[in-house]
Amino acid sequence: MGAKFGRNDSHGTKKFHIKSGDTVFVTAGKEKGKTGKVIKILRKEGRAIVEKLNIVKTHRRPSQKNPTGGISEKESGIHISNLMLRDSSVGGPVRIGRKTLASGEKVRYSKKSGEEIKG
């Protein structure tokens, strides 16, 4: 079965335009227009967990770790197609491209400003 989201590289892992640690802009959904830092990429689901966005409440059963139980809040995934990388030099969301440098190193770059994206 082929990949549902993104492209596959030779190892079968999905390749996304966003990496963990990037600052992203949300383009659709209830968090539209907000920005945040990517905490984790969920490759199988095609989602990313963004810091302080898409907060959901989970009902916890009492346990030894949490004897009272109760309702806790945590970040939930946002679909990768609803996220765009935010470039600080441009000050907004940008599309990204990939290019290979003369040294053979692959880098991501902003299509709006042409600058390389670190990370």
PDB file of N, CA and C in Angstrom:
ATOM      1  N   MET A   1       0.839  -1.171   0.000  1.00  0.00           N
ATOM      2  CA  MET A   1       0.000   0.000   0.000  1.00  0.00           C
ATOM      3  C   MET A   1       0.888   1.239   0.000  1.00  0.00           C
ATOM      4  N   GLY A   2       0.624   2.198  -0.849  1.00  0.00           N
ATOM      5  CA  GLY A   2       1.435   3.410  -0.961  1.00  0.00           C
ATOM      6  C   GLY A   2       1.171   4.381   0.169  1.00  0.00           C
ATOM      7  N   ALA A   3       1.971   5.421   0.183  1.00  0.00           N
ATOM      8  CA  ALA A   3       1.823   6.446   1.227  1.00  0.00           C
ATOM      9  C   ALA A   3       0.560   7.249   0.985  1.00  0.00           C
ATOM     10  N   LYS A   4      -0.119   7.576   2.049  1.00  0.00           N
ATOM     11  CA  LYS A   4      -1.343   8.347   1.931  1.00  0.00           C
ATOM     12  C   LYS A   4      -1.047   9.839   1.848  1.00  0.00           C
ATOM     13  N   PHE A   5      -0.020  10.292   2.604  1.00  0.00           N
ATOM     14  CA  PHE A   5       0.333  11.706   2.636  1.00  0.00           C
ATOM     15  C   PHE A   5       1.818  11.856   2.359  1.00  0.00           C
ATOM     16  N   GLY A   6       2.184  12.918   1.673  1.00  0.00           N
ATOM     17  CA  GLY A   6       3.596  13.195   1.431  1.00  0.00           C
ATOM     18  C   GLY A   6       4.203  12.236   0.433  1.00  0.00           C
ATOM     19  N   ARG A   7       5.498  12.409   0.191  1.00  0.00           N
ATOM     20  CA  ARG A   7       6.208  11.525  -0.717  1.00  0.00           C
ATOM     21  C   ARG A   7       6.998  10.516   0.079  1.00  0.00           C
ATOM     22  N   ASN A   8       7.321   9.399  -0.555  1.00  0.00           N
ATOM     23  CA  ASN A   8       8.146   8.388   0.089  1.00  0.00           C
ATOM     24  C   ASN A   8       9.579   8.538  -0.380  1.00  0.00           C
ATOM     25  N   ASP A   9      10.532   8.355   0.531  1.00  0.00           N
ATOM     26  CA  ASP A   9      11.910   8.235   0.102  1.00  0.00           C
ATOM     27  C   ASP A   9      12.204   6.743  -0.027  1.00  0.00           C
ATOM     28  N   SER A  10      13.457   6.373  -0.213  1.00  0.00           N
ATOM     29  CA  SER A  10      13.796   4.981  -0.487  1.00  0.00           C
ATOM     30  C   SER A  10      13.504   4.046   0.684  1.00  0.00           C
ATOM     31  N   HIS A  11      13.345   4.588   1.890  1.00  0.00           N
ATOM     32  CA  HIS A  11      13.092   3.746   3.053  1.00  0.00           C
ATOM     33  C   HIS A  11      11.613   3.624   3.395  1.00  0.00           C
ATOM     34  N   GLY A  12      10.736   4.251   2.637  1.00  0.00           N
ATOM     35  CA  GLY A  12       9.307   4.136   2.875  1.00  0.00           C
ATOM     36  C   GLY A  12       8.770   5.094   3.916  1.00  0.00           C
ATOM     37  N   THR A  13       9.584   6.014   4.433  1.00  0.00           N
ATOM     38  CA  THR A  13       9.081   6.994   5.389  1.00  0.00           C
ATOM     39  C   THR A  13       8.566   8.196   4.625  1.00  0.00           C
ATOM     40  N   LYS A  14       7.520   8.818   5.153  1.00  0.00           N
ATOM     41  CA  LYS A  14       6.912   9.947   4.466  1.00  0.00           C
ATOM     42  C   LYS A  14       7.761  11.188   4.633  1.00  0.00           C
ATOM     43  N   LYS A  15       7.862  11.981   3.581  1.00  0.00           N
ATOM     44  CA  LYS A  15       8.665  13.188   3.594  1.00  0.00           C
ATOM     45  C   LYS A  15       7.726  14.392   3.615  1.00  0.00           C
ATOM     46  N   PHE A  16       7.876  15.244   4.631  1.00  0.00           N
ATOM     47  CA  PHE A  16       7.023  16.406   4.785  1.00  0.00           C
ATOM     48  C   PHE A  16       7.830  17.683   4.642  1.00  0.00           C
ATOM     49  N   HIS A  17       7.149  18.782   4.386  1.00  0.00           N
ATOM     50  CA  HIS A  17       7.804  20.075   4.238  1.00  0.00           C
ATOM     51  C   HIS A  17       8.097  20.726   5.586  1.00  0.00           C
ATOM     52  N   ILE A  18       7.634  20.108   6.656  1.00  0.00           N
ATOM     53  CA  ILE A  18       7.796  20.663   7.999  1.00  0.00           C
ATOM     54  C   ILE A  18       8.575  19.671   8.852  1.00  0.00           C
ATOM     55  N   LYS A  19       9.468  20.204   9.676  1.00  0.00           N
ATOM     56  CA  LYS A  19      10.237  19.376  10.594  1.00  0.00           C
ATOM     57  C   LYS A  19       9.931  19.791  12.025  1.00  0.00           C
ATOM     58  N   SER A  20      10.295  18.929  12.952  1.00  0.00           N
ATOM     59  CA  SER A  20      10.141  19.241  14.365  1.00  0.00           C
ATOM     60  C   SER A  20      11.030  20.435  14.718  1.00  0.00           C
ATOM     61  N   GLY A  21      10.470  21.392  15.452  1.00  0.00           N
ATOM     62  CA  GLY A  21      11.218  22.588  15.822  1.00  0.00           C
ATOM     63  C   GLY A  21      10.933  23.793  14.939  1.00  0.00           C
ATOM     64  N   ASP A  22      10.262  23.588  13.788  1.00  0.00           N
ATOM     65  CA  ASP A  22       9.916  24.694  12.890  1.00  0.00           C
ATOM     66  C   ASP A  22       8.792  25.537  13.487  1.00  0.00           C
ATOM     67  N   THR A  23       8.778  26.810  13.132  1.00  0.00           N
ATOM     68  CA  THR A  23       7.650  27.670  13.470  1.00  0.00           C
ATOM     69  C   THR A  23       6.689  27.632  12.290  1.00  0.00           C
ATOM     70  N   VAL A  24       5.424  27.313  12.559  1.00  0.00           N
ATOM     71  CA  VAL A  24       4.455  27.131  11.480  1.00  0.00           C
ATOM     72  C   VAL A  24       3.265  28.073  11.631  1.00  0.00           C
ATOM     73  N   PHE A  25       2.567  28.280  10.520  1.00  0.00           N
ATOM     74  CA  PHE A  25       1.364  29.094  10.435  1.00  0.00           C
ATOM     75  C   PHE A  25       0.219  28.159  10.069  1.00  0.00           C
ATOM     76  N   VAL A  26      -0.900  28.229  10.788  1.00  0.00           N
ATOM     77  CA  VAL A  26      -2.051  27.359  10.520  1.00  0.00           C
ATOM     78  C   VAL A  26      -2.935  28.034   9.472  1.00  0.00           C
ATOM     79  N   THR A  27      -3.215  27.326   8.357  1.00  0.00           N
ATOM     80  CA  THR A  27      -3.964  27.908   7.246  1.00  0.00           C
ATOM     81  C   THR A  27      -5.449  27.569   7.268  1.00  0.00           C
ATOM     82  N   ALA A  28      -5.853  26.532   8.010  1.00  0.00           N
ATOM     83  CA  ALA A  28      -7.263  26.131   8.013  1.00  0.00           C
ATOM     84  C   ALA A  28      -7.622  25.490   9.341  1.00  0.00           C
ATOM     85  N   GLY A  29      -8.917  25.486   9.653  1.00  0.00           N
ATOM     86  CA  GLY A  29      -9.401  24.854  10.870  1.00  0.00           C
ATOM     87  C   GLY A  29      -9.691  25.866  11.960  1.00  0.00           C
ATOM     88  N   LYS A  30      -9.972  25.360  13.149  1.00  0.00           N
ATOM     89  CA  LYS A  30     -10.362  26.243  14.244  1.00  0.00           C
ATOM     90  C   LYS A  30      -9.211  27.106  14.751  1.00  0.00           C
ATOM     91  N   GLU A  31      -7.980  26.736  14.461  1.00  0.00           N
ATOM     92  CA  GLU A  31      -6.801  27.508  14.877  1.00  0.00           C
ATOM     93  C   GLU A  31      -6.245  28.355  13.738  1.00  0.00           C
ATOM     94  N   LYS A  32      -7.044  28.592  12.708  1.00  0.00           N
ATOM     95  CA  LYS A  32      -6.602  29.327  11.518  1.00  0.00           C
ATOM     96  C   LYS A  32      -6.032  30.699  11.877  1.00  0.00           C
ATOM     97  N   GLY A  33      -4.867  31.014  11.279  1.00  0.00           N
ATOM     98  CA  GLY A  33      -4.241  32.310  11.495  1.00  0.00           C
ATOM     99  C   GLY A  33      -3.249  32.357  12.649  1.00  0.00           C
ATOM    100  N   LYS A  34      -3.170  31.281  13.427  1.00  0.00           N
ATOM    101  CA  LYS A  34      -2.264  31.265  14.580  1.00  0.00           C
ATOM    102  C   LYS A  34      -0.925  30.640  14.192  1.00  0.00           C
ATOM    103  N   THR A  35       0.100  30.967  14.971  1.00  0.00           N
ATOM    104  CA  THR A  35       1.420  30.394  14.734  1.00  0.00           C
ATOM    105  C   THR A  35       1.880  29.658  15.981  1.00  0.00           C
ATOM    106  N   GLY A  36       2.765  28.693  15.789  1.00  0.00           N
ATOM    107  CA  GLY A  36       3.308  27.940  16.911  1.00  0.00           C
ATOM    108  C   GLY A  36       4.496  27.113  16.473  1.00  0.00           C
ATOM    109  N   LYS A  37       5.157  26.516  17.441  1.00  0.00           N
ATOM    110  CA  LYS A  37       6.341  25.708  17.192  1.00  0.00           C
ATOM    111  C   LYS A  37       5.948  24.233  17.153  1.00  0.00           C
ATOM    112  N   VAL A  38       6.472  23.489  16.177  1.00  0.00           N
ATOM    113  CA  VAL A  38       6.161  22.069  16.036  1.00  0.00           C
ATOM    114  C   VAL A  38       6.924  21.290  17.108  1.00  0.00           C
ATOM    115  N   ILE A  39       6.178  20.509  17.898  1.00  0.00           N
ATOM    116  CA  ILE A  39       6.767  19.691  18.947  1.00  0.00           C
ATOM    117  C   ILE A  39       7.142  18.323  18.385  1.00  0.00           C
ATOM    118  N   LYS A  40       6.221  17.745  17.603  1.00  0.00           N
ATOM    119  CA  LYS A  40       6.407  16.380  17.125  1.00  0.00           C
ATOM    120  C   LYS A  40       5.675  16.192  15.807  1.00  0.00           C
ATOM    121  N   ILE A  41       6.228  15.356  14.932  1.00  0.00           N
ATOM    122  CA  ILE A  41       5.585  14.991  13.670  1.00  0.00           C
ATOM    123  C   ILE A  41       5.060  13.559  13.809  1.00  0.00           C
ATOM    124  N   LEU A  42       3.786  13.359  13.501  1.00  0.00           N
ATOM    125  CA  LEU A  42       3.178  12.024  13.518  1.00  0.00           C
ATOM    126  C   LEU A  42       3.092  11.546  12.066  1.00  0.00           C
ATOM    127  N   ARG A  43       4.107  10.841  11.610  1.00  0.00           N
ATOM    128  CA  ARG A  43       4.228  10.481  10.195  1.00  0.00           C
ATOM    129  C   ARG A  43       3.117   9.558   9.708  1.00  0.00           C
ATOM    130  N   LYS A  44       2.753   8.567  10.508  1.00  0.00           N
ATOM    131  CA  LYS A  44       1.711   7.619  10.074  1.00  0.00           C
ATOM    132  C   LYS A  44       0.365   8.299   9.878  1.00  0.00           C
ATOM    133  N   GLU A  45       0.033   9.256  10.754  1.00  0.00           N
ATOM    134  CA  GLU A  45      -1.252   9.953  10.666  1.00  0.00           C
ATOM    135  C   GLU A  45      -1.201  11.153   9.735  1.00  0.00           C
ATOM    136  N   GLY A  46       0.000  11.604   9.357  1.00  0.00           N
ATOM    137  CA  GLY A  46       0.135  12.792   8.514  1.00  0.00           C
ATOM    138  C   GLY A  46      -0.218  14.059   9.272  1.00  0.00           C
ATOM    139  N   ARG A  47       0.147  14.103  10.558  1.00  0.00           N
ATOM    140  CA  ARG A  47      -0.194  15.224  11.421  1.00  0.00           C
ATOM    141  C   ARG A  47       1.031  15.726  12.165  1.00  0.00           C
ATOM    142  N   ALA A  48       0.909  16.941  12.700  1.00  0.00           N
ATOM    143  CA  ALA A  48       1.969  17.522  13.525  1.00  0.00           C
ATOM    144  C   ALA A  48       1.349  18.067  14.801  1.00  0.00           C
ATOM    145  N   ILE A  49       2.060  17.930  15.904  1.00  0.00           N
ATOM    146  CA  ILE A  49       1.610  18.497  17.165  1.00  0.00           C
ATOM    147  C   ILE A  49       2.306  19.838  17.325  1.00  0.00           C
ATOM    148  N   VAL A  50       1.500  20.907  17.436  1.00  0.00           N
ATOM    149  CA  VAL A  50       2.024  22.265  17.515  1.00  0.00           C
ATOM    150  C   VAL A  50       1.796  22.790  18.925  1.00  0.00           C
ATOM    151  N   GLU A  51       2.824  23.426  19.467  1.00  0.00           N
ATOM    152  CA  GLU A  51       2.802  23.917  20.839  1.00  0.00           C
ATOM    153  C   GLU A  51       1.655  24.907  21.068  1.00  0.00           C
ATOM    154  N   LYS A  52       0.841  24.642  22.093  1.00  0.00           N
ATOM    155  CA  LYS A  52      -0.275  25.490  22.542  1.00  0.00           C
ATOM    156  C   LYS A  52      -1.378  25.692  21.499  1.00  0.00           C
ATOM    157  N   LEU A  53      -1.495  24.793  20.517  1.00  0.00           N
ATOM    158  CA  LEU A  53      -2.573  24.871  19.530  1.00  0.00           C
ATOM    159  C   LEU A  53      -3.332  23.546  19.502  1.00  0.00           C
ATOM    160  N   ASN A  54      -4.620  23.617  19.143  1.00  0.00           N
ATOM    161  CA  ASN A  54      -5.505  22.459  19.043  1.00  0.00           C
ATOM    162  C   ASN A  54      -5.541  21.692  20.374  1.00  0.00           C
ATOM    163  N   ILE A  55      -5.852  22.405  21.439  1.00  0.00           N
ATOM    164  CA  ILE A  55      -5.914  21.822  22.784  1.00  0.00           C
ATOM    165  C   ILE A  55      -7.210  21.019  22.925  1.00  0.00           C
ATOM    166  N   VAL A  56      -7.073  19.773  23.404  1.00  0.00           N
ATOM    167  CA  VAL A  56      -8.235  18.919  23.654  1.00  0.00           C
ATOM    168  C   VAL A  56      -8.226  18.491  25.117  1.00  0.00           C
ATOM    169  N   LYS A  57      -9.411  18.187  25.628  1.00  0.00           N
ATOM    170  CA  LYS A  57      -9.525  17.725  27.009  1.00  0.00           C
ATOM    171  C   LYS A  57      -9.604  16.206  27.012  1.00  0.00           C
ATOM    172  N   THR A  58      -8.824  15.590  27.884  1.00  0.00           N
ATOM    173  CA  THR A  58      -8.853  14.138  28.022  1.00  0.00           C
ATOM    174  C   THR A  58      -9.299  13.797  29.435  1.00  0.00           C
ATOM    175  N   HIS A  59     -10.138  12.780  29.559  1.00  0.00           N
ATOM    176  CA  HIS A  59     -10.648  12.346  30.855  1.00  0.00           C
ATOM    177  C   HIS A  59      -9.739  11.239  31.369  1.00  0.00           C
ATOM    178  N   ARG A  60      -9.125  11.485  32.525  1.00  0.00           N
ATOM    179  CA  ARG A  60      -8.151  10.560  33.097  1.00  0.00           C
ATOM    180  C   ARG A  60      -8.771   9.759  34.246  1.00  0.00           C
ATOM    181  N   ARG A  61      -8.551   8.471  34.193  1.00  0.00           N
ATOM    182  CA  ARG A  61      -8.985   7.595  35.266  1.00  0.00           C
ATOM    183  C   ARG A  61      -7.970   7.683  36.413  1.00  0.00           C
ATOM    184  N   PRO A  62      -8.408   7.602  37.653  1.00  0.00           N
ATOM    185  CA  PRO A  62      -7.452   7.629  38.765  1.00  0.00           C
ATOM    186  C   PRO A  62      -6.450   6.476  38.668  1.00  0.00           C
ATOM    187  N   SER A  63      -5.186   6.790  38.942  1.00  0.00           N
ATOM    188  CA  SER A  63      -4.121   5.789  38.906  1.00  0.00           C
ATOM    189  C   SER A  63      -3.134   6.119  40.025  1.00  0.00           C
ATOM    190  N   GLN A  64      -2.081   5.305  40.171  1.00  0.00           N
ATOM    191  CA  GLN A  64      -1.070   5.591  41.191  1.00  0.00           C
ATOM    192  C   GLN A  64      -0.342   6.890  40.885  1.00  0.00           C
ATOM    193  N   LYS A  65      -0.121   7.149  39.623  1.00  0.00           N
ATOM    194  CA  LYS A  65       0.572   8.371  39.215  1.00  0.00           C
ATOM    195  C   LYS A  65      -0.317   9.598  39.440  1.00  0.00           C
ATOM    196  N   ASN A  66      -1.596   9.461  39.132  1.00  0.00           N
ATOM    197  CA  ASN A  66      -2.555  10.560  39.254  1.00  0.00           C
ATOM    198  C   ASN A  66      -3.739  10.049  40.091  1.00  0.00           C
ATOM    199  N   PRO A  67      -3.640  10.082  41.429  1.00  0.00           N
ATOM    200  CA  PRO A  67      -4.663   9.456  42.269  1.00  0.00           C
ATOM    201  C   PRO A  67      -6.050  10.075  42.178  1.00  0.00           C
ATOM    202  N   THR A  68      -6.145  11.365  41.814  1.00  0.00           N
ATOM    203  CA  THR A  68      -7.469  11.989  41.756  1.00  0.00           C
ATOM    204  C   THR A  68      -8.141  11.808  40.410  1.00  0.00           C
ATOM    205  N   GLY A  69      -7.361  11.545  39.356  1.00  0.00           N
ATOM    206  CA  GLY A  69      -7.958  11.463  38.020  1.00  0.00           C
ATOM    207  C   GLY A  69      -8.376  12.843  37.569  1.00  0.00           C
ATOM    208  N   GLY A  70      -9.442  12.928  36.781  1.00  0.00           N
ATOM    209  CA  GLY A  70      -9.975  14.222  36.368  1.00  0.00           C
ATOM    210  C   GLY A  70      -9.778  14.507  34.896  1.00  0.00           C
ATOM    211  N   ILE A  71      -9.947  15.776  34.540  1.00  0.00           N
ATOM    212  CA  ILE A  71      -9.866  16.205  33.149  1.00  0.00           C
ATOM    213  C   ILE A  71      -8.568  16.976  32.965  1.00  0.00           C
ATOM    214  N   SER A  72      -7.771  16.549  31.969  1.00  0.00           N
ATOM    215  CA  SER A  72      -6.528  17.262  31.683  1.00  0.00           C
ATOM    216  C   SER A  72      -6.557  17.743  30.241  1.00  0.00           C
ATOM    217  N   GLU A  73      -5.726  18.726  29.929  1.00  0.00           N
ATOM    218  CA  GLU A  73      -5.664  19.270  28.573  1.00  0.00           C
ATOM    219  C   GLU A  73      -4.321  18.947  27.947  1.00  0.00           C
ATOM    220  N   LYS A  74      -4.355  18.659  26.646  1.00  0.00           N
ATOM    221  CA  LYS A  74      -3.112  18.398  25.925  1.00  0.00           C
ATOM    222  C   LYS A  74      -3.280  18.819  24.470  1.00  0.00           C
ATOM    223  N   GLU A  75      -2.143  18.977  23.773  1.00  0.00           N
ATOM    224  CA  GLU A  75      -2.180  19.346  22.366  1.00  0.00           C
ATOM    225  C   GLU A  75      -2.520  18.119  21.523  1.00  0.00           C
ATOM    226  N   SER A  76      -3.323  18.333  20.505  1.00  0.00           N
ATOM    227  CA  SER A  76      -3.677  17.273  19.572  1.00  0.00           C
ATOM    228  C   SER A  76      -3.088  17.624  18.210  1.00  0.00           C
ATOM    229  N   GLY A  77      -3.043  16.652  17.312  1.00  0.00           N
ATOM    230  CA  GLY A  77      -2.414  16.856  16.013  1.00  0.00           C
ATOM    231  C   GLY A  77      -3.227  17.738  15.081  1.00  0.00           C
ATOM    232  N   ILE A  78      -2.515  18.472  14.226  1.00  0.00           N
ATOM    233  CA  ILE A  78      -3.112  19.262  13.145  1.00  0.00           C
ATOM    234  C   ILE A  78      -2.610  18.662  11.843  1.00  0.00           C
ATOM    235  N   HIS A  79      -3.500  18.468  10.888  1.00  0.00           N
ATOM    236  CA  HIS A  79      -3.097  17.843   9.634  1.00  0.00           C
ATOM    237  C   HIS A  79      -2.011  18.668   8.948  1.00  0.00           C
ATOM    238  N   ILE A  80      -1.041  17.974   8.388  1.00  0.00           N
ATOM    239  CA  ILE A  80       0.140  18.612   7.803  1.00  0.00           C
ATOM    240  C   ILE A  80      -0.222  19.537   6.637  1.00  0.00           C
ATOM    241  N   SER A  81      -1.328  19.252   5.947  1.00  0.00           N
ATOM    242  CA  SER A  81      -1.735  20.086   4.817  1.00  0.00           C
ATOM    243  C   SER A  81      -2.284  21.431   5.266  1.00  0.00           C
ATOM    244  N   ASN A  82      -2.620  21.555   6.553  1.00  0.00           N
ATOM    245  CA  ASN A  82      -3.138  22.818   7.093  1.00  0.00           C
ATOM    246  C   ASN A  82      -2.046  23.672   7.722  1.00  0.00           C
ATOM    247  N   LEU A  83      -0.796  23.294   7.519  1.00  0.00           N
ATOM    248  CA  LEU A  83       0.329  24.027   8.096  1.00  0.00           C
ATOM    249  C   LEU A  83       1.260  24.536   7.004  1.00  0.00           C
ATOM    250  N   MET A  84       1.775  25.751   7.200  1.00  0.00           N
ATOM    251  CA  MET A  84       2.798  26.310   6.313  1.00  0.00           C
ATOM    252  C   MET A  84       3.942  26.804   7.182  1.00  0.00           C
ATOM    253  N   LEU A  85       5.137  26.664   6.669  1.00  0.00           N
ATOM    254  CA  LEU A  85       6.303  27.147   7.391  1.00  0.00           C
ATOM    255  C   LEU A  85       6.257  28.663   7.477  1.00  0.00           C
ATOM    256  N   ARG A  86       6.619  29.216   8.634  1.00  0.00           N
ATOM    257  CA  ARG A  86       6.640  30.674   8.810  1.00  0.00           C
ATOM    258  C   ARG A  86       8.090  31.129   8.752  1.00  0.00           C
ATOM    259  N   ASP A  87       8.375  32.032   7.820  1.00  0.00           N
ATOM    260  CA  ASP A  87       9.726  32.552   7.634  1.00  0.00           C
ATOM    261  C   ASP A  87       9.847  33.882   8.366  1.00  0.00           C
ATOM    262  N   SER A  88      10.819  33.987   9.281  1.00  0.00           N
ATOM    263  CA  SER A  88      10.971  35.213  10.073  1.00  0.00           C
ATOM    264  C   SER A  88      11.453  36.390   9.222  1.00  0.00           C
ATOM    265  N   SER A  89      12.217  36.131   8.146  1.00  0.00           N
ATOM    266  CA  SER A  89      12.697  37.233   7.305  1.00  0.00           C
ATOM    267  C   SER A  89      11.563  37.849   6.492  1.00  0.00           C
ATOM    268  N   VAL A  90      10.599  37.033   6.081  1.00  0.00           N
ATOM    269  CA  VAL A  90       9.440  37.523   5.320  1.00  0.00           C
ATOM    270  C   VAL A  90       8.353  37.995   6.282  1.00  0.00           C
ATOM    271  N   GLY A  91       8.251  37.322   7.416  1.00  0.00           N
ATOM    272  CA  GLY A  91       7.261  37.691   8.424  1.00  0.00           C
ATOM    273  C   GLY A  91       5.918  37.022   8.230  1.00  0.00           C
ATOM    274  N   GLY A  92       5.871  35.964   7.461  1.00  0.00           N
ATOM    275  CA  GLY A  92       4.616  35.270   7.239  1.00  0.00           C
ATOM    276  C   GLY A  92       4.844  33.878   6.695  1.00  0.00           C
ATOM    277  N   PRO A  93       3.766  33.210   6.280  1.00  0.00           N
ATOM    278  CA  PRO A  93       3.898  31.849   5.765  1.00  0.00           C
ATOM    279  C   PRO A  93       4.536  31.832   4.378  1.00  0.00           C
ATOM    280  N   VAL A  94       5.340  30.813   4.121  1.00  0.00           N
ATOM    281  CA  VAL A  94       6.006  30.675   2.819  1.00  0.00           C
ATOM    282  C   VAL A  94       5.946  29.226   2.354  1.00  0.00           C
ATOM    283  N   ARG A  95       5.998  29.063   1.037  1.00  0.00           N
ATOM    284  CA  ARG A  95       6.167  27.732   0.468  1.00  0.00           C
ATOM    285  C   ARG A  95       7.655  27.414   0.502  1.00  0.00           C
ATOM    286  N   ILE A  96       7.975  26.133   0.572  1.00  0.00           N
ATOM    287  CA  ILE A  96       9.392  25.789   0.602  1.00  0.00           C
ATOM    288  C   ILE A  96       9.732  24.893  -0.580  1.00  0.00           C
ATOM    289  N   GLY A  97      11.010  24.918  -0.931  1.00  0.00           N
ATOM    290  CA  GLY A  97      11.535  24.042  -1.967  1.00  0.00           C
ATOM    291  C   GLY A  97      12.761  23.343  -1.423  1.00  0.00           C
ATOM    292  N   ARG A  98      13.227  22.336  -2.152  1.00  0.00           N
ATOM    293  CA  ARG A  98      14.446  21.631  -1.763  1.00  0.00           C
ATOM    294  C   ARG A  98      15.447  21.763  -2.890  1.00  0.00           C
ATOM    295  N   LYS A  99      16.710  21.970  -2.526  1.00  0.00           N
ATOM    296  CA  LYS A  99      17.753  22.011  -3.538  1.00  0.00           C
ATOM    297  C   LYS A  99      19.009  21.366  -2.978  1.00  0.00           C
ATOM    298  N   THR A 100      19.868  20.921  -3.889  1.00  0.00           N
ATOM    299  CA  THR A 100      21.125  20.319  -3.511  1.00  0.00           C
ATOM    300  C   THR A 100      22.236  21.324  -3.771  1.00  0.00           C
ATOM    301  N   LEU A 101      23.056  21.579  -2.769  1.00  0.00           N
ATOM    302  CA  LEU A 101      24.170  22.507  -2.904  1.00  0.00           C
ATOM    303  C   LEU A 101      25.313  21.831  -3.652  1.00  0.00           C
ATOM    304  N   ALA A 102      26.312  22.624  -4.031  1.00  0.00           N
ATOM    305  CA  ALA A 102      27.476  22.091  -4.743  1.00  0.00           C
ATOM    306  C   ALA A 102      28.209  21.043  -3.911  1.00  0.00           C
ATOM    307  N   SER A 103      28.139  21.182  -2.592  1.00  0.00           N
ATOM    308  CA  SER A 103      28.801  20.220  -1.704  1.00  0.00           C
ATOM    309  C   SER A 103      28.040  18.896  -1.602  1.00  0.00           C
ATOM    310  N   GLY A 104      26.843  18.839  -2.179  1.00  0.00           N
ATOM    311  CA  GLY A 104      26.033  17.628  -2.133  1.00  0.00           C
ATOM    312  C   GLY A 104      25.026  17.622  -0.996  1.00  0.00           C
ATOM    313  N   GLU A 105      25.030  18.673  -0.193  1.00  0.00           N
ATOM    314  CA  GLU A 105      24.108  18.766   0.937  1.00  0.00           C
ATOM    315  C   GLU A 105      22.732  19.218   0.450  1.00  0.00           C
ATOM    316  N   LYS A 106      21.672  18.550   0.942  1.00  0.00           N
ATOM    317  CA  LYS A 106      20.305  18.929   0.596  1.00  0.00           C
ATOM    318  C   LYS A 106      19.793  19.923   1.623  1.00  0.00           C
ATOM    319  N   VAL A 107      19.220  21.031   1.151  1.00  0.00           N
ATOM    320  CA  VAL A 107      18.699  22.063   2.049  1.00  0.00           C
ATOM    321  C   VAL A 107      17.306  22.481   1.616  1.00  0.00           C
ATOM    322  N   ARG A 108      16.542  23.014   2.576  1.00  0.00           N
ATOM    323  CA  ARG A 108      15.239  23.595   2.277  1.00  0.00           C
ATOM    324  C   ARG A 108      15.435  25.092   2.110  1.00  0.00           C
ATOM    325  N   TYR A 109      14.642  25.687   1.202  1.00  0.00           N
ATOM    326  CA  TYR A 109      14.736  27.137   1.015  1.00  0.00           C
ATOM    327  C   TYR A 109      13.347  27.726   0.842  1.00  0.00           C
ATOM    328  N   SER A 110      13.228  29.024   1.163  1.00  0.00           N
ATOM    329  CA  SER A 110      11.976  29.741   1.039  1.00  0.00           C
ATOM    330  C   SER A 110      11.797  30.156  -0.411  1.00  0.00           C
ATOM    331  N   LYS A 111      10.644  29.844  -0.986  1.00  0.00           N
ATOM    332  CA  LYS A 111      10.402  30.224  -2.385  1.00  0.00           C
ATOM    333  C   LYS A 111      10.100  31.706  -2.527  1.00  0.00           C
ATOM    334  N   LYS A 112       9.720  32.356  -1.425  1.00  0.00           N
ATOM    335  CA  LYS A 112       9.421  33.775  -1.472  1.00  0.00           C
ATOM    336  C   LYS A 112      10.692  34.614  -1.414  1.00  0.00           C
ATOM    337  N   SER A 113      11.584  34.300  -0.457  1.00  0.00           N
ATOM    338  CA  SER A 113      12.799  35.100  -0.293  1.00  0.00           C
ATOM    339  C   SER A 113      14.030  34.450  -0.911  1.00  0.00           C
ATOM    340  N   GLY A 114      13.993  33.157  -1.163  1.00  0.00           N
ATOM    341  CA  GLY A 114      15.139  32.452  -1.728  1.00  0.00           C
ATOM    342  C   GLY A 114      16.177  32.065  -0.697  1.00  0.00           C
ATOM    343  N   GLU A 115      15.964  32.412   0.560  1.00  0.00           N
ATOM    344  CA  GLU A 115      16.932  32.099   1.627  1.00  0.00           C
ATOM    345  C   GLU A 115      16.810  30.659   2.084  1.00  0.00           C
ATOM    346  N   GLU A 116      17.936  30.111   2.530  1.00  0.00           N
ATOM    347  CA  GLU A 116      17.946  28.757   3.083  1.00  0.00           C
ATOM    348  C   GLU A 116      17.260  28.743   4.446  1.00  0.00           C
ATOM    349  N   ILE A 117      16.613  27.619   4.747  1.00  0.00           N
ATOM    350  CA  ILE A 117      15.946  27.450   6.026  1.00  0.00           C
ATOM    351  C   ILE A 117      16.834  26.562   6.890  1.00  0.00           C
ATOM    352  N   LYS A 118      17.202  27.066   8.041  1.00  0.00           N
ATOM    353  CA  LYS A 118      18.072  26.318   8.949  1.00  0.00           C
ATOM    354  C   LYS A 118      17.264  25.238   9.630  1.00  0.00           C
ATOM    355  N   GLY A 119      17.934  24.100   9.880  1.00  0.00           N
ATOM    356  CA  GLY A 119      17.281  23.038  10.638  1.00  0.00           C
ATOM    357  C   GLY A 119      16.931  21.840   9.867  1.00  0.00           C
TER     358      GLY A 119
END
